[in-house]
C-alpha atoms as a PDB file:
ATOM      1  CA  UNK A   1       5.444 -26.409 -16.427  1.00  0.00           C
ATOM      2  CA  UNK A   2       5.978 -26.502 -20.174  1.00  0.00           C
ATOM      3  CA  UNK A   3       6.183 -22.760 -21.814  1.00  0.00           C
ATOM      4  CA  UNK A   4       3.550 -22.547 -24.476  1.00  0.00           C
ATOM      5  CA  UNK A   5       5.407 -21.490 -27.687  1.00  0.00           C
ATOM      6  CA  UNK A   6       2.332 -22.042 -30.107  1.00  0.00           C
ATOM      7  CA  UNK A   7       3.024 -18.650 -31.738  1.00  0.00           C
ATOM      8  CA  UNK A   8       6.718 -19.033 -31.956  1.00  0.00           C
ATOM      9  CA  UNK A   9       7.854 -20.860 -35.361  1.00  0.00           C
ATOM     10  CA  UNK A  10      11.038 -22.690 -34.884  1.00  0.00           C
ATOM     11  CA  UNK A  11      13.179 -19.801 -36.118  1.00  0.00           C
ATOM     12  CA  UNK A  12      15.341 -20.117 -32.837  1.00  0.00           C
ATOM     13  CA  UNK A  13      16.940 -16.635 -32.572  1.00  0.00           C
ATOM     14  CA  UNK A  14      15.704 -14.397 -29.770  1.00  0.00           C
ATOM     15  CA  UNK A  15      15.260 -11.335 -32.093  1.00  0.00           C
ATOM     16  CA  UNK A  16      13.921 -13.427 -34.908  1.00  0.00           C
ATOM     17  CA  UNK A  17      11.020 -14.247 -32.418  1.00  0.00           C
ATOM     18  CA  UNK A  18       9.855 -10.734 -32.796  1.00  0.00           C
ATOM     19  CA  UNK A  19      10.967 -10.336 -36.561  1.00  0.00           C
ATOM     20  CA  UNK A  20       9.907 -13.791 -37.915  1.00  0.00           C
ATOM     21  CA  UNK A  21       7.042 -14.762 -35.612  1.00  0.00           C
ATOM     22  CA  UNK A  22       4.273 -16.580 -37.684  1.00  0.00           C
ATOM     23  CA  UNK A  23       1.119 -18.379 -36.439  1.00  0.00           C
ATOM     24  CA  UNK A  24       0.506 -21.826 -37.663  1.00  0.00           C
ATOM     25  CA  UNK A  25      -3.016 -22.244 -38.104  1.00  0.00           C
ATOM     26  CA  UNK A  26      -4.863 -24.483 -35.681  1.00  0.00           C
ATOM     27  CA  UNK A  27      -1.781 -26.670 -35.473  1.00  0.00           C
ATOM     28  CA  UNK A  28       0.289 -26.607 -32.168  1.00  0.00           C
ATOM     29  CA  UNK A  29       3.933 -26.265 -32.368  1.00  0.00           C
ATOM     30  CA  UNK A  30       6.205 -28.298 -30.188  1.00  0.00           C
ATOM     31  CA  UNK A  31       6.294 -26.944 -26.318  1.00  0.00           C
ATOM     32  CA  UNK A  32       9.715 -26.465 -24.657  1.00  0.00           C
ATOM     33  CA  UNK A  33      10.274 -29.376 -22.291  1.00  0.00           C
ATOM     34  CA  UNK A  34      10.576 -28.736 -18.854  1.00  0.00           C
ATOM     35  CA  UNK A  35      14.310 -29.945 -18.736  1.00  0.00           C
ATOM     36  CA  UNK A  36      15.151 -27.702 -21.548  1.00  0.00           C
ATOM     37  CA  UNK A  37      13.399 -24.668 -19.921  1.00  0.00           C
ATOM     38  CA  UNK A  38      15.465 -25.405 -16.661  1.00  0.00           C
ATOM     39  CA  UNK A  39      18.685 -25.383 -18.870  1.00  0.00           C
ATOM     40  CA  UNK A  40      17.884 -22.343 -20.820  1.00  0.00           C
ATOM     41  CA  UNK A  41      16.846 -20.525 -17.589  1.00  0.00           C
ATOM     42  CA  UNK A  42      20.217 -21.287 -16.066  1.00  0.00           C
ATOM     43  CA  UNK A  43      21.852 -19.201 -18.635  1.00  0.00           C
ATOM     44  CA  UNK A  44      20.000 -16.116 -17.458  1.00  0.00           C
ATOM     45  CA  UNK A  45      20.764 -17.107 -13.811  1.00  0.00           C
ATOM     46  CA  UNK A  46      24.563 -17.099 -14.769  1.00  0.00           C
ATOM     47  CA  UNK A  47      24.103 -13.457 -16.220  1.00  0.00           C
ATOM     48  CA  UNK A  48      22.213 -12.624 -13.062  1.00  0.00           C
ATOM     49  CA  UNK A  49      25.278 -13.569 -10.691  1.00  0.00           C
ATOM     50  CA  UNK A  50      27.008 -10.407 -11.411  1.00  0.00           C
ATOM     51  CA  UNK A  51      24.517  -8.054 -13.290  1.00  0.00           C
ATOM     52  CA  UNK A  52      25.128  -4.843 -14.577  1.00  0.00           C
ATOM     53  CA  UNK A  53      22.650  -2.698 -16.748  1.00  0.00           C
ATOM     54  CA  UNK A  54      22.187   0.914 -17.093  1.00  0.00           C
ATOM     55  CA  UNK A  55      19.413   2.424 -19.387  1.00  0.00           C
ATOM     56  CA  UNK A  56      21.312   5.584 -20.057  1.00  0.00           C
ATOM     57  CA  UNK A  57      24.311   3.484 -21.444  1.00  0.00           C
ATOM     58  CA  UNK A  58      21.887   1.223 -23.854  1.00  0.00           C
ATOM     59  CA  UNK A  59      19.750   3.890 -25.363  1.00  0.00           C
ATOM     60  CA  UNK A  60      20.780   6.047 -28.311  1.00  0.00           C
ATOM     61  CA  UNK A  61      22.912   4.630 -31.226  1.00  0.00           C
ATOM     62  CA  UNK A  62      22.116   1.498 -32.563  1.00  0.00           C
ATOM     63  CA  UNK A  63      23.846  -1.779 -31.541  1.00  0.00           C
ATOM     64  CA  UNK A  64      24.944  -4.794 -34.007  1.00  0.00           C
ATOM     65  CA  UNK A  65      24.795  -8.393 -33.177  1.00  0.00           C
ATOM     66  CA  UNK A  66      28.362  -9.898 -33.688  1.00  0.00           C
ATOM     67  CA  UNK A  67      28.260 -13.185 -31.819  1.00  0.00           C
ATOM     68  CA  UNK A  68      25.335 -15.608 -30.838  1.00  0.00           C
ATOM     69  CA  UNK A  69      24.832 -18.728 -29.116  1.00  0.00           C
ATOM     70  CA  UNK A  70      22.245 -21.496 -30.222  1.00  0.00           C
ATOM     71  CA  UNK A  71      21.628 -19.566 -33.507  1.00  0.00           C
ATOM     72  CA  UNK A  72      23.763 -19.288 -36.559  1.00  0.00           C
ATOM     73  CA  UNK A  73      23.628 -15.906 -38.739  1.00  0.00           C
ATOM     74  CA  UNK A  74      26.876 -16.093 -40.451  1.00  0.00           C
ATOM     75  CA  UNK A  75      27.231 -12.938 -42.821  1.00  0.00           C
ATOM     76  CA  UNK A  76      23.705 -11.671 -41.760  1.00  0.00           C
ATOM     77  CA  UNK A  77      23.906  -8.515 -39.949  1.00  0.00           C
ATOM     78  CA  UNK A  78      20.950  -7.260 -37.464  1.00  0.00           C
ATOM     79  CA  UNK A  79      20.939  -3.934 -35.862  1.00  0.00           C
ATOM     80  CA  UNK A  80      18.740  -2.930 -32.828  1.00  0.00           C
ATOM     81  CA  UNK A  81      17.957   0.212 -31.270  1.00  0.00           C
ATOM     82  CA  UNK A  82      16.879   0.979 -27.508  1.00  0.00           C
ATOM     83  CA  UNK A  83      14.983   4.022 -26.673  1.00  0.00           C
ATOM     84  CA  UNK A  84      12.832   5.166 -23.529  1.00  0.00           C
ATOM     85  CA  UNK A  85       9.303   3.739 -23.405  1.00  0.00           C
ATOM     86  CA  UNK A  86       7.290   7.089 -23.491  1.00  0.00           C
ATOM     87  CA  UNK A  87       3.652   6.891 -22.388  1.00  0.00           C
ATOM     88  CA  UNK A  88       2.705   7.566 -26.141  1.00  0.00           C
ATOM     89  CA  UNK A  89       4.806   4.313 -27.240  1.00  0.00           C
ATOM     90  CA  UNK A  90       3.146   2.216 -24.320  1.00  0.00           C
ATOM     91  CA  UNK A  91      -0.478   3.174 -25.077  1.00  0.00           C
ATOM     92  CA  UNK A  92       0.321   2.339 -29.122  1.00  0.00           C
ATOM     93  CA  UNK A  93       1.597  -1.008 -27.940  1.00  0.00           C
ATOM     94  CA  UNK A  94      -1.116  -1.466 -25.758  1.00  0.00           C
ATOM     95  CA  UNK A  95      -3.741  -0.766 -28.107  1.00  0.00           C
ATOM     96  CA  UNK A  96      -2.094  -3.118 -30.436  1.00  0.00           C
ATOM     97  CA  UNK A  97      -1.422  -6.078 -28.182  1.00  0.00           C
ATOM     98  CA  UNK A  98      -3.373  -6.215 -24.958  1.00  0.00           C
ATOM     99  CA  UNK A  99      -6.223  -8.382 -26.039  1.00  0.00           C
ATOM    100  CA  UNK A 100      -3.619 -10.830 -27.665  1.00  0.00           C
ATOM    101  CA  UNK A 101      -1.494 -11.416 -24.649  1.00  0.00           C
ATOM    102  CA  UNK A 102      -2.293 -14.437 -22.662  1.00  0.00           C
ATOM    103  CA  UNK A 103      -0.752 -12.802 -19.889  1.00  0.00           C
ATOM    104  CA  UNK A 104      -0.444  -9.049 -18.999  1.00  0.00           C
ATOM    105  CA  UNK A 105       2.583  -7.292 -18.048  1.00  0.00           C
ATOM    106  CA  UNK A 106       2.557  -4.491 -15.686  1.00  0.00           C
ATOM    107  CA  UNK A 107       1.987  -1.814 -18.288  1.00  0.00           C
ATOM    108  CA  UNK A 108       3.288   0.980 -15.754  1.00  0.00           C
ATOM    109  CA  UNK A 109       6.460  -0.895 -15.734  1.00  0.00           C
ATOM    110  CA  UNK A 110       7.319  -0.362 -19.414  1.00  0.00           C
ATOM    111  CA  UNK A 111      10.894   0.663 -19.297  1.00  0.00           C
ATOM    112  CA  UNK A 112      12.345   0.398 -22.872  1.00  0.00           C
ATOM    113  CA  UNK A 113      11.199   0.323 -26.805  1.00  0.00           C
ATOM    114  CA  UNK A 114      13.364  -2.235 -28.710  1.00  0.00           C
ATOM    115  CA  UNK A 115      13.139  -1.778 -32.561  1.00  0.00           C
ATOM    116  CA  UNK A 116      15.005  -4.423 -34.745  1.00  0.00           C
ATOM    117  CA  UNK A 117      15.908  -5.037 -38.392  1.00  0.00           C
ATOM    118  CA  UNK A 118      15.315  -2.781 -41.255  1.00  0.00           C
ATOM    119  CA  UNK A 119      11.585  -3.206 -41.142  1.00  0.00           C
ATOM    120  CA  UNK A 120      11.780  -1.916 -37.523  1.00  0.00           C
ATOM    121  CA  UNK A 121       9.743  -4.610 -35.744  1.00  0.00           C
ATOM    122  CA  UNK A 122       9.419  -3.731 -32.461  1.00  0.00           C
ATOM    123  CA  UNK A 123       9.240  -5.026 -28.812  1.00  0.00           C
ATOM    124  CA  UNK A 124       8.434  -3.188 -25.234  1.00  0.00           C
ATOM    125  CA  UNK A 125      10.283  -4.351 -22.286  1.00  0.00           C
ATOM    126  CA  UNK A 126       9.109  -4.087 -18.805  1.00  0.00           C
ATOM    127  CA  UNK A 127      11.551  -4.170 -15.853  1.00  0.00           C
ATOM    128  CA  UNK A 128      11.133  -7.206 -13.702  1.00  0.00           C
ATOM    129  CA  UNK A 129      11.752  -7.597  -9.933  1.00  0.00           C
ATOM    130  CA  UNK A 130      15.201  -8.811  -9.387  1.00  0.00           C
ATOM    131  CA  UNK A 131      18.712  -8.433 -10.685  1.00  0.00           C
ATOM    132  CA  UNK A 132      19.519  -5.508 -13.033  1.00  0.00           C
ATOM    133  CA  UNK A 133      18.771  -6.205 -16.400  1.00  0.00           C
ATOM    134  CA  UNK A 134      15.795  -8.405 -15.901  1.00  0.00           C
ATOM    135  CA  UNK A 135      12.981  -7.731 -18.430  1.00  0.00           C
ATOM    136  CA  UNK A 136       9.647  -9.149 -19.572  1.00  0.00           C
ATOM    137  CA  UNK A 137       8.854  -8.431 -23.134  1.00  0.00           C
ATOM    138  CA  UNK A 138       5.847  -8.039 -25.585  1.00  0.00           C
ATOM    139  CA  UNK A 139       6.545  -8.318 -29.296  1.00  0.00           C
ATOM    140  CA  UNK A 140       3.985  -6.305 -31.161  1.00  0.00           C
ATOM    141  CA  UNK A 141       3.216  -8.934 -33.707  1.00  0.00           C
ATOM    142  CA  UNK A 142      -0.012  -7.240 -34.413  1.00  0.00           C
ATOM    143  CA  UNK A 143       1.727  -4.364 -36.159  1.00  0.00           C
ATOM    144  CA  UNK A 144       2.809  -6.805 -38.914  1.00  0.00           C
ATOM    145  CA  UNK A 145      -0.077  -6.919 -41.259  1.00  0.00           C
ATOM    146  CA  UNK A 146       1.216 -10.373 -42.742  1.00  0.00           C
ATOM    147  CA  UNK A 147       0.575 -12.061 -39.198  1.00  0.00           C
ATOM    148  CA  UNK A 148      -2.796 -12.960 -37.758  1.00  0.00           C
ATOM    149  CA  UNK A 149      -3.049 -13.808 -34.110  1.00  0.00           C
ATOM    150  CA  UNK A 150      -5.666 -15.073 -31.816  1.00  0.00           C
ATOM    151  CA  UNK A 151      -6.740 -13.261 -28.731  1.00  0.00           C
ATOM    152  CA  UNK A 152      -5.200 -14.459 -25.406  1.00  0.00           C
ATOM    153  CA  UNK A 153      -2.516 -16.619 -27.193  1.00  0.00           C
ATOM    154  CA  UNK A 154       0.690 -14.346 -27.102  1.00  0.00           C
ATOM    155  CA  UNK A 155       3.131 -15.289 -24.435  1.00  0.00           C
ATOM    156  CA  UNK A 156       5.061 -12.765 -22.612  1.00  0.00           C
ATOM    157  CA  UNK A 157       9.163 -13.391 -23.474  1.00  0.00           C
ATOM    158  CA  UNK A 158      11.660 -13.320 -20.736  1.00  0.00           C
ATOM    159  CA  UNK A 159      15.110 -11.829 -21.150  1.00  0.00           C
ATOM    160  CA  UNK A 160      18.008 -11.019 -19.329  1.00  0.00           C
ATOM    161  CA  UNK A 161      20.411  -7.991 -20.372  1.00  0.00           C
ATOM    162  CA  UNK A 162      23.875  -7.292 -19.300  1.00  0.00           C
ATOM    163  CA  UNK A 163      26.534  -4.650 -20.153  1.00  0.00           C
ATOM    164  CA  UNK A 164      30.133  -6.209 -20.124  1.00  0.00           C
ATOM    165  CA  UNK A 165      33.777  -4.964 -20.958  1.00  0.00           C
ATOM    166  CA  UNK A 166      33.219  -1.413 -20.042  1.00  0.00           C
ATOM    167  CA  UNK A 167      29.746  -1.251 -21.386  1.00  0.00           C
ATOM    168  CA  UNK A 168      31.181  -1.789 -24.796  1.00  0.00           C
ATOM    169  CA  UNK A 169      29.137  -4.856 -25.389  1.00  0.00           C
ATOM    170  CA  UNK A 170      25.851  -5.841 -24.638  1.00  0.00           C
ATOM    171  CA  UNK A 171      24.688  -9.310 -23.921  1.00  0.00           C
ATOM    172  CA  UNK A 172      20.921 -10.292 -24.324  1.00  0.00           C
ATOM    173  CA  UNK A 173      19.614 -13.685 -23.531  1.00  0.00           C
ATOM    174  CA  UNK A 174      16.204 -15.137 -24.037  1.00  0.00           C
ATOM    175  CA  UNK A 175      15.454 -17.113 -20.840  1.00  0.00           C
ATOM    176  CA  UNK A 176      13.091 -19.711 -22.392  1.00  0.00           C
ATOM    177  CA  UNK A 177      14.588 -20.535 -25.448  1.00  0.00           C
ATOM    178  CA  UNK A 178      18.442 -20.162 -24.134  1.00  0.00           C
ATOM    179  CA  UNK A 179      19.294 -18.091 -27.286  1.00  0.00           C
ATOM    180  CA  UNK A 180      21.721 -15.383 -26.730  1.00  0.00           C
ATOM    181  CA  UNK A 181      23.643 -12.622 -28.643  1.00  0.00           C
ATOM    182  CA  UNK A 182      26.556 -10.309 -28.146  1.00  0.00           C
ATOM    183  CA  UNK A 183      26.302  -6.906 -29.512  1.00  0.00           C
ATOM    184  CA  UNK A 184      28.290  -3.697 -29.924  1.00  0.00           C
ATOM    185  CA  UNK A 185      27.636  -0.317 -31.026  1.00  0.00           C
ATOM    186  CA  UNK A 186      27.211  -0.475 -35.071  1.00  0.00           C
ATOM    187  CA  UNK A 187      29.486   2.503 -35.341  1.00  0.00           C
ATOM    188  CA  UNK A 188      32.267   0.811 -33.568  1.00  0.00           C
ATOM    189  CA  UNK A 189      32.875  -2.918 -34.788  1.00  0.00           C
ATOM    190  CA  UNK A 190      34.874  -4.878 -32.416  1.00  0.00           C
ATOM    191  CA  UNK A 191      38.294  -6.737 -32.815  1.00  0.00           C
ATOM    192  CA  UNK A 192      38.033 -10.423 -33.403  1.00  0.00           C
ATOM    193  CA  UNK A 193      40.309 -10.618 -30.404  1.00  0.00           C
ATOM    194  CA  UNK A 194      37.675  -8.471 -28.301  1.00  0.00           C
ATOM    195  CA  UNK A 195      34.840 -10.880 -29.176  1.00  0.00           C
ATOM    196  CA  UNK A 196      37.193 -14.095 -28.022  1.00  0.00           C
ATOM    197  CA  UNK A 197      38.066 -12.247 -24.829  1.00  0.00           C
ATOM    198  CA  UNK A 198      34.347 -11.320 -23.936  1.00  0.00           C
ATOM    199  CA  UNK A 199      32.728 -14.701 -25.029  1.00  0.00           C
ATOM    200  CA  UNK A 200      35.430 -16.630 -23.109  1.00  0.00           C
ATOM    201  CA  UNK A 201      34.702 -14.761 -20.136  1.00  0.00           C
ATOM    202  CA  UNK A 202      31.050 -15.199 -20.304  1.00  0.00           C
ATOM    203  CA  UNK A 203      31.374 -18.988 -20.350  1.00  0.00           C
ATOM    204  CA  UNK A 204      28.173 -19.618 -22.226  1.00  0.00           C
ATOM    205  CA  UNK A 205      29.599 -22.193 -24.434  1.00  0.00           C
ATOM    206  CA  UNK A 206      30.519 -22.382 -27.971  1.00  0.00           C
ATOM    207  CA  UNK A 207      28.816 -19.930 -30.432  1.00  0.00           C
ATOM    208  CA  UNK A 208      28.857 -18.271 -33.708  1.00  0.00           C
ATOM    209  CA  UNK A 209      30.509 -15.115 -35.073  1.00  0.00           C
ATOM    210  CA  UNK A 210      27.896 -13.094 -37.144  1.00  0.00           C
ATOM    211  CA  UNK A 211      28.128 -10.013 -39.642  1.00  0.00           C
ATOM    212  CA  UNK A 212      31.267 -11.415 -40.906  1.00  0.00           C
ATOM    213  CA  UNK A 213      31.685  -8.731 -43.363  1.00  0.00           C
ATOM    214  CA  UNK A 214      31.451  -5.987 -41.065  1.00  0.00           C
ATOM    215  CA  UNK A 215      34.917  -5.639 -39.066  1.00  0.00           C
ATOM    216  CA  UNK A 216      36.984  -2.860 -37.343  1.00  0.00           C
ATOM    217  CA  UNK A 217      38.866  -0.866 -40.126  1.00  0.00           C
ATOM    218  CA  UNK A 218      42.215  -1.632 -38.207  1.00  0.00           C
ATOM    219  CA  UNK A 219      41.576  -5.182 -38.188  1.00  0.00           C
ATOM    220  CA  UNK A 220      44.466  -7.152 -39.892  1.00  0.00           C
ATOM    221  CA  UNK A 221      42.658 -10.451 -40.299  1.00  0.00           C
ATOM    222  CA  UNK A 222      39.310 -10.852 -41.638  1.00  0.00           C
ATOM    223  CA  UNK A 223      36.742 -12.187 -39.706  1.00  0.00           C
ATOM    224  CA  UNK A 224      35.644 -15.570 -41.015  1.00  0.00           C
END
């Protein structure tokens, strides 16, 4: 079955889905083909083979994206911050979004609140049954006054998160679009060699370094 992506403009990047979602009038955006969906979902299945995710190791200080697959950011930096989904947060997102979703999550399973970018776009993550780090996501597109959405049209997003390399890095993959990122704490920029080691071990294919001007202060060779 195709995944309806009418609300997702072809931005391509998993966090940009939340940051840059646009509604295309009455026009219909291309749907993800079944074969593409199956291929993209296999990326999540790969991460699920040896899952590791602990909420306490993710919340707190911002994470900065240093490597991406299937989307190129180059010098652009993007930070994201996780915190526990409190009842107050869940109620606010429910008030904003429940009428716009084409399928309802288990609101009692809301686990994490994710904010991204300088303008603090947000998404609520719901723990799914299955391997650790499996989540459904509700992007709060109604919060952005520049976006007009129709009722019962916003799809739930699917993500797989995994902590790797002693929990220094966080992998996040959109299971529908197959777009992934590798992040580290923003106050601890990684070495290029660390990125190379981790991405090689993940074996998700060729990707792109991001946030190129931000590097470890002891890095001798500029990241380029």
